[in-house]
Protein backbone atom coordinates (compact mmCIF):
# COMPACT_ATOMS: atom_id res chain seq x y z
CA UNK A 1 -27.55 -9.49 -57.84
CA UNK A 2 -25.47 -7.28 -55.53
CA UNK A 3 -22.53 -5.20 -56.77
CA UNK A 4 -20.16 -7.20 -54.56
CA UNK A 5 -20.93 -10.28 -56.64
CA UNK A 6 -20.99 -8.53 -60.00
CA UNK A 7 -17.35 -7.41 -59.81
CA UNK A 8 -15.84 -10.87 -59.09
CA UNK A 9 -18.03 -12.51 -61.74
CA UNK A 10 -17.09 -9.86 -64.29
CA UNK A 11 -13.38 -10.31 -63.55
CA UNK A 12 -13.68 -14.10 -63.79
CA UNK A 13 -15.53 -13.84 -67.10
CA UNK A 14 -12.89 -11.47 -68.46
CA UNK A 15 -10.06 -13.78 -67.39
CA UNK A 16 -11.67 -16.75 -69.16
CA UNK A 17 -12.68 -14.91 -72.32
CA UNK A 18 -9.51 -12.86 -72.75
CA UNK A 19 -7.43 -15.66 -74.38
CA UNK A 20 -10.15 -16.12 -77.00
CA UNK A 21 -10.25 -12.39 -77.74
CA UNK A 22 -6.47 -12.13 -78.23
CA UNK A 23 -5.73 -15.29 -80.20
CA UNK A 24 -4.41 -13.28 -83.15
CA UNK A 25 -2.46 -10.66 -81.20
CA UNK A 26 0.84 -11.52 -79.50
CA UNK A 27 1.01 -7.98 -78.07
CA UNK A 28 -2.26 -8.26 -76.18
CA UNK A 29 -1.47 -11.81 -75.06
CA UNK A 30 1.71 -10.49 -73.48
CA UNK A 31 -0.20 -7.60 -71.92
CA UNK A 32 -2.68 -10.02 -70.35
CA UNK A 33 0.14 -12.04 -68.80
CA UNK A 34 1.74 -8.85 -67.47
CA UNK A 35 -1.55 -7.77 -65.89
CA UNK A 36 -1.81 -11.05 -64.00
CA UNK A 37 1.85 -10.94 -62.94
CA UNK A 38 1.45 -7.39 -61.64
CA UNK A 39 -1.75 -8.43 -59.84
CA UNK A 40 0.15 -11.21 -58.06
CA UNK A 41 2.73 -8.74 -56.75
CA UNK A 42 0.14 -6.15 -55.77
CA UNK A 43 -2.05 -8.80 -54.08
CA UNK A 44 0.99 -9.92 -52.09
CA UNK A 45 1.54 -6.32 -50.95
CA UNK A 46 -2.17 -5.99 -50.16
CA UNK A 47 -1.91 -8.52 -47.34
CA UNK A 48 0.37 -6.33 -45.25
CA UNK A 49 -0.38 -2.91 -46.73
CA UNK A 50 -4.11 -3.21 -47.38
CA UNK A 51 -5.35 -5.41 -44.55
CA UNK A 52 -2.79 -4.63 -41.83
CA UNK A 53 -2.29 -1.01 -42.83
CA UNK A 54 1.52 -1.26 -42.88
CA UNK A 55 2.50 0.65 -46.03
CA UNK A 56 5.70 -0.96 -47.25
CA UNK A 57 7.45 0.98 -50.01
CA UNK A 58 10.34 -1.47 -50.21
CA UNK A 59 8.46 -4.61 -51.18
CA UNK A 60 10.51 -4.94 -54.36
CA UNK A 61 13.26 -6.47 -52.22
CA UNK A 62 11.25 -9.70 -51.93
CA UNK A 63 10.34 -9.64 -55.62
CA UNK A 64 14.01 -9.31 -56.49
CA UNK A 65 15.04 -12.10 -54.14
CA UNK A 66 12.63 -14.46 -55.87
CA UNK A 67 13.92 -13.50 -59.32
CA UNK A 68 17.60 -13.80 -58.35
CA UNK A 69 17.05 -17.11 -56.56
CA UNK A 70 15.59 -18.54 -59.75
CA UNK A 71 18.35 -17.29 -62.01
CA UNK A 72 21.06 -18.45 -59.59
CA UNK A 73 19.52 -21.94 -59.62
CA UNK A 74 20.00 -22.00 -63.39
CA UNK A 75 23.37 -20.26 -63.77
CA UNK A 76 25.30 -21.95 -60.96
CA UNK A 77 23.48 -25.25 -60.44
CA UNK A 78 21.99 -25.90 -63.87
CA UNK A 79 18.48 -26.42 -62.51
CA UNK A 80 15.30 -25.07 -64.10
CA UNK A 81 14.74 -21.49 -62.87
CA UNK A 82 11.41 -22.32 -61.25
CA UNK A 83 13.22 -24.76 -58.93
CA UNK A 84 14.82 -21.73 -57.28
CA UNK A 85 11.42 -20.33 -56.32
CA UNK A 86 11.18 -22.23 -52.98
CA UNK A 87 14.65 -20.92 -52.07
CA UNK A 88 13.51 -17.40 -52.87
CA UNK A 89 10.41 -17.82 -50.72
CA UNK A 90 12.48 -19.13 -47.80
CA UNK A 91 15.00 -16.29 -48.04
CA UNK A 92 12.26 -13.68 -48.40
CA UNK A 93 10.28 -14.96 -45.43
CA UNK A 94 13.45 -15.13 -43.35
CA UNK A 95 14.44 -11.58 -44.32
CA UNK A 96 10.92 -10.34 -43.60
CA UNK A 97 11.13 -11.86 -40.11
CA UNK A 98 14.58 -10.34 -39.59
CA UNK A 99 13.71 -6.80 -40.63
CA UNK A 100 10.07 -6.97 -39.56
CA UNK A 101 10.76 -7.32 -35.85
CA UNK A 102 12.40 -3.87 -35.52
CA UNK A 103 10.67 -2.00 -38.36
CA UNK A 104 7.10 -3.05 -37.55
CA UNK A 105 7.50 -1.31 -34.20
CA UNK A 106 7.47 1.91 -36.21
CA UNK A 107 4.23 3.44 -37.38
CA UNK A 108 3.02 5.53 -40.27
CA UNK A 109 5.57 7.04 -42.60
CA UNK A 110 8.44 5.94 -40.35
CA UNK A 111 7.78 2.32 -41.26
CA UNK A 112 7.54 3.26 -44.95
CA UNK A 113 10.87 5.09 -44.77
CA UNK A 114 12.50 2.10 -43.10
CA UNK A 115 11.32 -0.26 -45.86
CA UNK A 116 12.65 2.12 -48.52
CA UNK A 117 16.03 2.14 -46.78
CA UNK A 118 16.15 -1.67 -46.64
CA UNK A 119 15.16 -1.97 -50.29
CA UNK A 120 17.80 0.51 -51.46
CA UNK A 121 20.47 -1.14 -49.30
CA UNK A 122 19.77 -4.54 -50.86
CA UNK A 123 19.75 -3.04 -54.36
CA UNK A 124 23.17 -1.46 -53.84
CA UNK A 125 24.58 -4.68 -52.39
CA UNK A 126 23.34 -6.70 -55.36
CA UNK A 127 24.69 -4.08 -57.80
CA UNK A 128 28.20 -4.57 -56.42
CA UNK A 129 28.07 -8.38 -56.21
CA UNK A 130 30.03 -10.20 -58.92
CA UNK A 131 28.29 -13.44 -57.93
CA UNK A 132 24.93 -11.90 -58.86
CA UNK A 133 26.20 -10.28 -62.04
CA UNK A 134 26.69 -6.79 -60.62
CA UNK A 135 24.88 -3.93 -62.33
CA UNK A 136 24.58 -5.95 -65.55
CA UNK A 137 22.44 -8.67 -63.97
CA UNK A 138 22.06 -12.34 -64.84
CA UNK A 139 20.17 -14.20 -67.56
CA UNK A 140 18.22 -17.45 -67.57
CA UNK A 141 18.12 -20.16 -70.25
CA UNK A 142 18.40 -18.59 -73.74
CA UNK A 143 16.30 -21.42 -75.15
CA UNK A 144 14.05 -24.04 -73.54
CA UNK A 145 15.69 -27.28 -72.46
CA UNK A 146 12.76 -28.92 -70.68
CA UNK A 147 9.17 -27.97 -69.92
CA UNK A 148 10.26 -27.06 -66.38
CA UNK A 149 12.26 -24.12 -67.76
CA UNK A 150 8.88 -22.43 -68.42
CA UNK A 151 10.37 -20.84 -71.52
CA UNK A 152 7.70 -20.40 -74.18
CA UNK A 153 7.54 -18.57 -77.49
CA UNK A 154 3.95 -17.47 -76.86
CA UNK A 155 2.74 -15.48 -73.87
CA UNK A 156 -0.41 -17.58 -73.43
CA UNK A 157 1.24 -20.37 -71.37
CA UNK A 158 2.46 -17.67 -68.98
CA UNK A 159 -1.05 -16.23 -68.89
CA UNK A 160 -2.51 -19.52 -67.69
CA UNK A 161 0.31 -20.13 -65.20
CA UNK A 162 -0.02 -16.64 -63.75
CA UNK A 163 -3.81 -17.01 -63.60
CA UNK A 164 -3.47 -20.17 -61.49
CA UNK A 165 -0.92 -18.56 -59.17
CA UNK A 166 -3.09 -15.45 -58.80
CA UNK A 167 -6.01 -17.71 -57.92
CA UNK A 168 -3.90 -19.31 -55.18
CA UNK A 169 -2.86 -15.91 -53.80
CA UNK A 170 -6.41 -14.59 -53.83
CA UNK A 171 -7.68 -17.84 -52.29
CA UNK A 172 -5.18 -17.57 -49.44
CA UNK A 173 -6.06 -13.91 -48.96
CA UNK A 174 -9.78 -14.73 -48.90
CA UNK A 175 -9.16 -17.44 -46.31
CA UNK A 176 -7.20 -14.99 -44.14
CA UNK A 177 -9.81 -12.27 -44.62
CA UNK A 178 -12.62 -14.54 -43.39
CA UNK A 179 -10.63 -15.94 -40.47
CA UNK A 180 -9.46 -14.69 -37.11
CA UNK A 181 -6.26 -13.25 -38.54
CA UNK A 182 -8.26 -11.10 -40.94
CA UNK A 183 -10.33 -9.64 -38.12
CA UNK A 184 -7.18 -8.94 -36.12
CA UNK A 185 -5.44 -7.25 -39.05
CA UNK A 186 -8.42 -5.00 -39.75
CA UNK A 187 -8.61 -4.10 -36.07
CA UNK A 188 -4.90 -3.23 -36.09
CA UNK A 189 -5.36 -1.12 -39.21
CA UNK A 190 -8.28 0.82 -37.68
CA UNK A 191 -6.59 1.39 -34.32
CA UNK A 192 -3.61 -0.58 -33.13
CA UNK A 193 -3.92 0.82 -29.61
CA UNK A 194 -7.56 -0.26 -29.37
CA UNK A 195 -6.70 -3.69 -30.78
CA UNK A 196 -3.97 -4.15 -28.16
CA UNK A 197 -6.37 -3.13 -25.41
CA UNK A 198 -8.67 -5.96 -26.51
CA UNK A 199 -5.89 -8.51 -26.23
CA UNK A 200 -4.73 -8.67 -29.87
CA UNK A 201 -1.02 -9.37 -30.24
CA UNK A 202 -0.53 -6.64 -32.82
CA UNK A 203 3.20 -7.11 -33.30
CA UNK A 204 2.91 -10.84 -33.92
CA UNK A 205 0.07 -10.61 -36.44
CA UNK A 206 1.70 -7.74 -38.33
CA UNK A 207 4.82 -9.87 -38.59
CA UNK A 208 2.79 -12.87 -39.83
CA UNK A 209 1.20 -10.69 -42.52
CA UNK A 210 4.58 -9.24 -43.51
CA UNK A 211 6.17 -12.67 -43.85
CA UNK A 212 3.27 -14.10 -45.85
CA UNK A 213 3.26 -11.06 -48.10
CA UNK A 214 7.02 -11.41 -48.65
CA UNK A 215 6.65 -15.05 -49.66
CA UNK A 216 4.02 -14.31 -52.31
CA UNK A 217 6.00 -11.33 -53.64
CA UNK A 218 8.99 -13.64 -54.02
CA UNK A 219 6.89 -16.04 -56.10
CA UNK A 220 5.98 -13.13 -58.39
CA UNK A 221 9.69 -12.40 -58.85
CA UNK A 222 10.44 -16.01 -59.79
CA UNK A 223 7.64 -15.98 -62.35
CA UNK A 224 8.97 -12.73 -63.78
CA UNK A 225 12.38 -14.33 -64.29
CA UNK A 226 10.84 -17.34 -65.99
CA UNK A 227 8.96 -15.13 -68.42
CA UNK A 228 11.68 -12.58 -69.25
CA UNK A 229 14.76 -14.75 -68.65
CA UNK A 230 16.79 -11.86 -67.26
CA UNK A 231 17.03 -9.78 -64.10
CA UNK A 232 19.17 -6.84 -63.00
CA UNK A 233 19.21 -4.76 -59.80
CA UNK A 234 16.96 -2.03 -61.19
CA UNK A 235 14.25 -4.31 -62.59
CA UNK A 236 14.38 -6.53 -59.51
CA UNK A 237 14.87 -4.08 -56.64
CA UNK A 238 14.03 -0.66 -58.11
CA UNK A 239 11.81 1.56 -55.98
CA UNK A 240 9.44 2.11 -58.92
CA UNK A 241 8.48 -1.57 -58.67
CA UNK A 242 7.48 -1.08 -55.03
CA UNK A 243 5.54 2.06 -55.94
CA UNK A 244 3.67 0.12 -58.63
CA UNK A 245 2.50 -2.45 -56.06
CA UNK A 246 1.27 0.30 -53.74
CA UNK A 247 -0.49 2.31 -56.46
CA UNK A 248 -2.19 -0.71 -58.04
CA UNK A 249 -3.60 -1.87 -54.73
CA UNK A 250 -4.64 1.65 -53.71
CA UNK A 251 -6.25 2.42 -57.07
CA UNK A 252 -8.40 -0.69 -57.06
CA UNK A 253 -8.99 -0.71 -53.34
CA UNK A 254 -6.38 -1.53 -50.68
CA UNK A 255 -7.71 -4.04 -48.18
CA UNK A 256 -10.17 -5.46 -50.72
CA UNK A 257 -9.68 -8.86 -52.28
CA UNK A 258 -9.91 -7.82 -55.94
CA UNK A 259 -8.56 -4.30 -55.51
CA UNK A 260 -5.01 -5.09 -56.75
CA UNK A 261 -6.37 -6.89 -59.83
CA UNK A 262 -8.57 -3.93 -60.76
CA UNK A 263 -5.60 -1.59 -60.33
CA UNK A 264 -3.40 -3.82 -62.49
CA UNK A 265 -6.08 -3.92 -65.20
CA UNK A 266 -5.82 -0.14 -65.47
CA UNK A 267 -2.16 0.66 -64.85
CA UNK A 268 -0.40 -2.10 -66.79
CA UNK A 269 -2.12 -1.37 -70.14
CA UNK A 270 -1.60 2.35 -69.50
CA UNK A 271 2.12 1.83 -68.92
CA UNK A 272 2.54 -0.53 -71.87
CA UNK A 273 0.75 1.82 -74.25
CA UNK A 274 2.73 4.85 -73.07
CA UNK A 275 6.01 2.96 -73.51
CA UNK A 276 4.90 1.76 -76.94
CA UNK A 277 3.89 5.15 -78.31
CA UNK A 278 6.47 7.30 -76.52
CA UNK A 279 9.45 4.94 -76.71
CA UNK A 280 12.23 5.80 -74.24
CA UNK A 281 10.27 8.78 -72.92
CA UNK A 282 7.55 6.45 -71.65
CA UNK A 283 9.48 5.61 -68.48
CA UNK A 284 9.50 9.27 -67.45
CA UNK A 285 5.80 9.63 -68.20
CA UNK A 286 5.16 6.61 -65.95
CA UNK A 287 6.47 8.48 -62.91
CA UNK A 288 4.26 11.46 -63.72
CA UNK A 289 1.18 9.28 -64.19
CA UNK A 290 1.76 7.40 -60.94
CA UNK A 291 2.22 10.65 -59.06
CA UNK A 292 -1.01 12.03 -60.50
CA UNK A 293 -2.88 8.83 -59.62
CA UNK A 294 -1.64 9.00 -56.03
CA UNK A 295 -2.94 12.58 -55.72
CA UNK A 296 -6.32 11.67 -57.25
CA UNK A 297 -6.72 8.64 -54.99
CA UNK A 298 -5.83 10.63 -51.88
CA UNK A 299 -8.23 13.44 -52.80
CA UNK A 300 -11.24 11.71 -54.34
CA UNK A 301 -11.01 7.91 -53.89
CA UNK A 302 -9.20 7.07 -50.65
CA UNK A 303 -10.90 3.66 -50.61
CA UNK A 304 -10.19 2.85 -54.27
CA UNK A 305 -12.37 2.24 -57.30
CA UNK A 306 -14.15 -0.75 -55.80
CA UNK A 307 -15.62 1.51 -53.14
CA UNK A 308 -17.86 2.90 -55.89
CA UNK A 309 -19.63 -0.46 -55.99
CA UNK A 310 -20.28 -0.61 -52.26
CA UNK A 311 -23.83 -0.11 -51.11
CA UNK A 312 -24.21 3.37 -49.66
CA UNK A 313 -26.14 3.62 -46.38
CA UNK A 314 -29.56 5.21 -46.80
CA UNK A 315 -30.02 8.17 -44.46
CA UNK A 316 -32.88 7.66 -42.03
CA UNK A 317 -35.22 10.58 -41.56
CA UNK A 318 -35.79 11.39 -37.95
CA UNK A 319 -39.09 12.69 -36.70
CA UNK A 320 -39.38 15.80 -34.57
CA UNK A 321 -41.76 15.14 -31.65
CA UNK A 322 -42.29 18.83 -31.10
CA UNK A 323 -43.37 19.62 -34.63
CA UNK A 324 -45.08 16.31 -35.25
CA UNK A 325 -43.47 15.74 -38.70
CA UNK A 326 -40.28 14.29 -40.15
CA UNK A 327 -37.24 16.49 -40.82
């Protein structure tokens, strides 16, 4: 069996067995749900950042829109928070189209800087909005009213819900990867100029990827609100959230289907354990760890951990006609 098949099968087996292994531990049940939630966000980023090569460092804006849309649906309309998810997706896709048209004309770090600026602008606007709770944020239902509130005492229902949603995101990504759009995005990532010379509408397909990525990131934000029941500008729009998406995808393998999940399997437990053992100092350590991981990836694993499982080409020995023997 090839390594490309071993990794997906191993991840599937782990996802199915994990609930049985953590039946007696609420802490590890919660950690499993957080891994899947982080993988959803990172997989959403992977569509535009991994496949299209457009490194967005402001993707938290779409995550936050999804979370705030859900909490607004509860606070001001009295609906279950998850009902606000479609609104969040619509707003996120619309915003991605609005800001994507000018910013996707930029390349390299200029595009990344533009996404950071947009993300910080939205965060400041939300922080000063009384309607959205200002800097204090807004809370969801303190106790479950109906099953649609998705408010559970145990983390396992969230684990299964997040697992299904992650399966949908990965399925959509796989479908894109195998289709024409996937070929176009990879061509744009390798060389946008060459792709344009072959007739690929680079701007249009980058925008499609950006909008689709924004929609899935918004879903992750809505699920976050349903699980935690509270959102504020920092937890919804903070730049660290965007950095997490980038690092998780890059660590596992940006542009690879299961790369974000592998990255989440490593970084989320690492962050949770550091916060648990170091208390309030854990947040500062997180920045240091992420910075170190970025340096290590750039230096030793530019293609991510999954590249270690790729079959290496076997060098072919060439024969020297003059000497009559192989080199």
